[in-house]
């Protein structure tokens, strides 16, 4: 097995991206309308400081993981923060290092922009991902609240 390779999403990746993102959404037992797929895909390639970005993880040249991340302003620093919004590795590729490599790629992209704070959240029941997160990051103790 070759090492994991990370690269930016390309416009030719739409089918692979959609398959991985659909599997991510299914993991969280949710769906999004077709319009959200289309709009998200367009946004991933729209220039702009606050538009989402994305990477793919490839194993033997097959896409096995993805991440979406967003830079945003903060009142706590002069530099932006980076929110790692979505991170998914195909179940058959878990343990391959794809998740850690995707996180590292986001961290490197942020660092190249002078951004130190890369953060994310996961569901408390996502034990598999939390084992990785506990290895590569510190848990902040913050609890999320949503106004729905």
C-alpha atoms as a PDB file:
ATOM      1  CA  UNK A   1       0.000   0.000   0.000  1.00  0.00           C
ATOM      2  CA  UNK A   2       1.360   3.399  -0.933  1.00  0.00           C
ATOM      3  CA  UNK A   3       1.358   6.330   1.478  1.00  0.00           C
ATOM      4  CA  UNK A   4      -1.601   8.671   1.749  1.00  0.00           C
ATOM      5  CA  UNK A   5      -1.393  11.623  -0.601  1.00  0.00           C
ATOM      6  CA  UNK A   6      -3.299  14.851   0.067  1.00  0.00           C
ATOM      7  CA  UNK A   7      -4.230  17.369  -2.581  1.00  0.00           C
ATOM      8  CA  UNK A   8      -6.650  20.217  -3.098  1.00  0.00           C
ATOM      9  CA  UNK A   9      -9.991  19.396  -4.611  1.00  0.00           C
ATOM     10  CA  UNK A  10     -10.078  19.758  -8.387  1.00  0.00           C
ATOM     11  CA  UNK A  11     -13.134  20.440 -10.510  1.00  0.00           C
ATOM     12  CA  UNK A  12     -12.741  16.952 -11.969  1.00  0.00           C
ATOM     13  CA  UNK A  13     -13.301  15.436  -8.488  1.00  0.00           C
ATOM     14  CA  UNK A  14     -17.014  16.170  -8.262  1.00  0.00           C
ATOM     15  CA  UNK A  15     -18.221  12.540  -8.421  1.00  0.00           C
ATOM     16  CA  UNK A  16     -15.641  11.321  -5.875  1.00  0.00           C
ATOM     17  CA  UNK A  17     -16.283  14.329  -3.624  1.00  0.00           C
ATOM     18  CA  UNK A  18     -20.028  13.770  -3.762  1.00  0.00           C
ATOM     19  CA  UNK A  19     -19.656  10.083  -2.893  1.00  0.00           C
ATOM     20  CA  UNK A  20     -17.434  10.841   0.120  1.00  0.00           C
ATOM     21  CA  UNK A  21     -19.519  13.778   1.337  1.00  0.00           C
ATOM     22  CA  UNK A  22     -22.721  11.734   0.997  1.00  0.00           C
ATOM     23  CA  UNK A  23     -21.128   8.983   3.102  1.00  0.00           C
ATOM     24  CA  UNK A  24     -20.103  11.600   5.685  1.00  0.00           C
ATOM     25  CA  UNK A  25     -23.654  12.929   5.849  1.00  0.00           C
ATOM     26  CA  UNK A  26     -25.006   9.374   6.134  1.00  0.00           C
ATOM     27  CA  UNK A  27     -22.641   8.728   9.045  1.00  0.00           C
ATOM     28  CA  UNK A  28     -24.376  11.598  10.846  1.00  0.00           C
ATOM     29  CA  UNK A  29     -27.769  10.279   9.703  1.00  0.00           C
ATOM     30  CA  UNK A  30     -28.615  13.344   7.650  1.00  0.00           C
ATOM     31  CA  UNK A  31     -29.048  14.477   4.080  1.00  0.00           C
ATOM     32  CA  UNK A  32     -28.951  17.776   2.248  1.00  0.00           C
ATOM     33  CA  UNK A  33     -31.014  18.901  -0.725  1.00  0.00           C
ATOM     34  CA  UNK A  34     -29.525  18.754  -4.211  1.00  0.00           C
ATOM     35  CA  UNK A  35     -29.270  22.543  -4.195  1.00  0.00           C
ATOM     36  CA  UNK A  36     -26.881  22.362  -1.228  1.00  0.00           C
ATOM     37  CA  UNK A  37     -24.653  19.870  -3.053  1.00  0.00           C
ATOM     38  CA  UNK A  38     -24.539  22.132  -6.099  1.00  0.00           C
ATOM     39  CA  UNK A  39     -23.969  25.338  -4.134  1.00  0.00           C
ATOM     40  CA  UNK A  40     -21.314  23.806  -1.889  1.00  0.00           C
ATOM     41  CA  UNK A  41     -19.441  22.442  -4.905  1.00  0.00           C
ATOM     42  CA  UNK A  42     -19.470  25.903  -6.531  1.00  0.00           C
ATOM     43  CA  UNK A  43     -18.340  27.586  -3.308  1.00  0.00           C
ATOM     44  CA  UNK A  44     -15.378  25.227  -3.000  1.00  0.00           C
ATOM     45  CA  UNK A  45     -14.031  26.799  -6.200  1.00  0.00           C
ATOM     46  CA  UNK A  46     -15.111  30.385  -5.632  1.00  0.00           C
ATOM     47  CA  UNK A  47     -12.314  32.832  -4.922  1.00  0.00           C
ATOM     48  CA  UNK A  48     -12.703  34.723  -1.704  1.00  0.00           C
ATOM     49  CA  UNK A  49     -11.161  34.825   1.691  1.00  0.00           C
ATOM     50  CA  UNK A  50     -14.164  33.317   3.459  1.00  0.00           C
ATOM     51  CA  UNK A  51     -15.265  30.704   0.927  1.00  0.00           C
ATOM     52  CA  UNK A  52     -14.842  27.047   1.947  1.00  0.00           C
ATOM     53  CA  UNK A  53     -11.794  25.127   0.776  1.00  0.00           C
ATOM     54  CA  UNK A  54     -11.281  21.389   0.420  1.00  0.00           C
ATOM     55  CA  UNK A  55      -8.718  18.612   0.265  1.00  0.00           C
ATOM     56  CA  UNK A  56      -8.937  14.987  -0.819  1.00  0.00           C
ATOM     57  CA  UNK A  57      -6.971  12.108   0.655  1.00  0.00           C
ATOM     58  CA  UNK A  58      -5.853   9.496  -1.881  1.00  0.00           C
ATOM     59  CA  UNK A  59      -4.677   5.974  -1.209  1.00  0.00           C
ATOM     60  CA  UNK A  60      -3.240   4.188  -4.246  1.00  0.00           C
ATOM     61  CA  UNK A  61      -4.653   7.117  -6.264  1.00  0.00           C
ATOM     62  CA  UNK A  62      -8.200   6.364  -5.049  1.00  0.00           C
ATOM     63  CA  UNK A  63     -10.030   9.136  -3.113  1.00  0.00           C
ATOM     64  CA  UNK A  64     -10.624   7.823   0.411  1.00  0.00           C
ATOM     65  CA  UNK A  65     -11.164  10.970   2.468  1.00  0.00           C
ATOM     66  CA  UNK A  66     -12.092  14.617   2.367  1.00  0.00           C
ATOM     67  CA  UNK A  67     -12.093  17.737   4.428  1.00  0.00           C
ATOM     68  CA  UNK A  68     -13.776  21.108   4.114  1.00  0.00           C
ATOM     69  CA  UNK A  69     -12.431  24.106   6.005  1.00  0.00           C
ATOM     70  CA  UNK A  70     -13.233  27.785   6.294  1.00  0.00           C
ATOM     71  CA  UNK A  71     -11.184  30.800   7.328  1.00  0.00           C
ATOM     72  CA  UNK A  72     -13.016  33.408   9.349  1.00  0.00           C
ATOM     73  CA  UNK A  73     -12.386  36.548  11.339  1.00  0.00           C
ATOM     74  CA  UNK A  74     -12.254  36.572  15.117  1.00  0.00           C
ATOM     75  CA  UNK A  75     -12.441  39.247  17.783  1.00  0.00           C
ATOM     76  CA  UNK A  76      -9.674  37.490  19.723  1.00  0.00           C
ATOM     77  CA  UNK A  77      -6.814  37.953  17.292  1.00  0.00           C
ATOM     78  CA  UNK A  78      -5.627  40.026  14.359  1.00  0.00           C
ATOM     79  CA  UNK A  79      -5.344  36.882  12.245  1.00  0.00           C
ATOM     80  CA  UNK A  80      -8.222  34.698  11.101  1.00  0.00           C
ATOM     81  CA  UNK A  81      -9.184  31.349  12.578  1.00  0.00           C
ATOM     82  CA  UNK A  82      -9.603  28.165  10.577  1.00  0.00           C
ATOM     83  CA  UNK A  83     -12.667  26.029  11.172  1.00  0.00           C
ATOM     84  CA  UNK A  84     -12.215  22.458   9.955  1.00  0.00           C
ATOM     85  CA  UNK A  85     -15.872  21.931   9.162  1.00  0.00           C
ATOM     86  CA  UNK A  86     -16.022  18.405   7.743  1.00  0.00           C
ATOM     87  CA  UNK A  87     -13.580  15.504   7.949  1.00  0.00           C
ATOM     88  CA  UNK A  88     -14.350  12.053   6.608  1.00  0.00           C
ATOM     89  CA  UNK A  89     -12.411   8.905   5.788  1.00  0.00           C
ATOM     90  CA  UNK A  90     -14.037   5.979   4.008  1.00  0.00           C
ATOM     91  CA  UNK A  91     -14.498   3.156   6.555  1.00  0.00           C
ATOM     92  CA  UNK A  92     -12.326   0.821   4.429  1.00  0.00           C
ATOM     93  CA  UNK A  93      -9.441   3.311   4.702  1.00  0.00           C
ATOM     94  CA  UNK A  94      -9.701   4.084   8.402  1.00  0.00           C
ATOM     95  CA  UNK A  95      -6.428   3.487  10.194  1.00  0.00           C
ATOM     96  CA  UNK A  96      -4.483   4.359   7.032  1.00  0.00           C
ATOM     97  CA  UNK A  97      -3.488   7.794   8.300  1.00  0.00           C
ATOM     98  CA  UNK A  98      -5.850   9.639   5.945  1.00  0.00           C
ATOM     99  CA  UNK A  99      -7.635  11.553   8.708  1.00  0.00           C
ATOM    100  CA  UNK A 100      -4.414  12.686  10.369  1.00  0.00           C
ATOM    101  CA  UNK A 101      -2.959  13.646   6.985  1.00  0.00           C
ATOM    102  CA  UNK A 102      -6.030  15.720   6.126  1.00  0.00           C
ATOM    103  CA  UNK A 103      -5.823  17.543   9.472  1.00  0.00           C
ATOM    104  CA  UNK A 104      -2.107  18.154   8.919  1.00  0.00           C
ATOM    105  CA  UNK A 105      -2.802  19.540   5.431  1.00  0.00           C
ATOM    106  CA  UNK A 106      -5.340  22.003   6.813  1.00  0.00           C
ATOM    107  CA  UNK A 107      -2.904  23.009   9.548  1.00  0.00           C
ATOM    108  CA  UNK A 108      -0.146  23.593   6.972  1.00  0.00           C
ATOM    109  CA  UNK A 109      -2.476  25.610   4.727  1.00  0.00           C
ATOM    110  CA  UNK A 110      -3.480  27.760   7.690  1.00  0.00           C
ATOM    111  CA  UNK A 111       0.124  28.195   8.849  1.00  0.00           C
ATOM    112  CA  UNK A 112       1.107  29.390   5.370  1.00  0.00           C
ATOM    113  CA  UNK A 113      -1.441  32.190   5.896  1.00  0.00           C
ATOM    114  CA  UNK A 114      -0.126  33.001   9.382  1.00  0.00           C
ATOM    115  CA  UNK A 115      -3.095  31.316  11.081  1.00  0.00           C
ATOM    116  CA  UNK A 116      -2.378  29.281  14.184  1.00  0.00           C
ATOM    117  CA  UNK A 117      -5.873  28.437  15.413  1.00  0.00           C
ATOM    118  CA  UNK A 118      -7.368  25.459  13.579  1.00  0.00           C
ATOM    119  CA  UNK A 119     -10.346  23.998  15.389  1.00  0.00           C
ATOM    120  CA  UNK A 120     -13.255  21.619  14.861  1.00  0.00           C
ATOM    121  CA  UNK A 121     -15.949  19.720  16.687  1.00  0.00           C
ATOM    122  CA  UNK A 122     -17.374  16.237  16.534  1.00  0.00           C
ATOM    123  CA  UNK A 123     -20.272  14.439  18.094  1.00  0.00           C
ATOM    124  CA  UNK A 124     -19.547  13.041  21.528  1.00  0.00           C
ATOM    125  CA  UNK A 125     -20.476   9.539  20.313  1.00  0.00           C
ATOM    126  CA  UNK A 126     -17.910   9.582  17.479  1.00  0.00           C
ATOM    127  CA  UNK A 127     -15.412   7.473  19.412  1.00  0.00           C
ATOM    128  CA  UNK A 128     -13.321   6.449  16.395  1.00  0.00           C
ATOM    129  CA  UNK A 129     -12.665  10.028  15.307  1.00  0.00           C
ATOM    130  CA  UNK A 130     -12.149  11.182  18.880  1.00  0.00           C
ATOM    131  CA  UNK A 131      -9.274   8.714  19.323  1.00  0.00           C
ATOM    132  CA  UNK A 132      -7.523  10.440  16.411  1.00  0.00           C
ATOM    133  CA  UNK A 133      -8.421  13.929  17.619  1.00  0.00           C
ATOM    134  CA  UNK A 134      -7.130  13.189  21.103  1.00  0.00           C
ATOM    135  CA  UNK A 135      -3.767  12.245  19.541  1.00  0.00           C
ATOM    136  CA  UNK A 136      -3.348  15.244  17.250  1.00  0.00           C
ATOM    137  CA  UNK A 137      -5.041  18.109  19.118  1.00  0.00           C
ATOM    138  CA  UNK A 138      -6.038  19.320  22.545  1.00  0.00           C
ATOM    139  CA  UNK A 139      -9.605  19.159  23.747  1.00  0.00           C
ATOM    140  CA  UNK A 140     -10.752  22.624  24.750  1.00  0.00           C
ATOM    141  CA  UNK A 141     -13.662  21.743  27.008  1.00  0.00           C
ATOM    142  CA  UNK A 142     -16.071  24.064  25.230  1.00  0.00           C
ATOM    143  CA  UNK A 143     -19.625  22.849  24.718  1.00  0.00           C
ATOM    144  CA  UNK A 144     -21.562  23.818  21.596  1.00  0.00           C
ATOM    145  CA  UNK A 145     -25.045  25.328  21.661  1.00  0.00           C
ATOM    146  CA  UNK A 146     -27.257  25.952  18.616  1.00  0.00           C
ATOM    147  CA  UNK A 147     -30.207  28.268  18.127  1.00  0.00           C
ATOM    148  CA  UNK A 148     -32.482  26.312  15.844  1.00  0.00           C
END
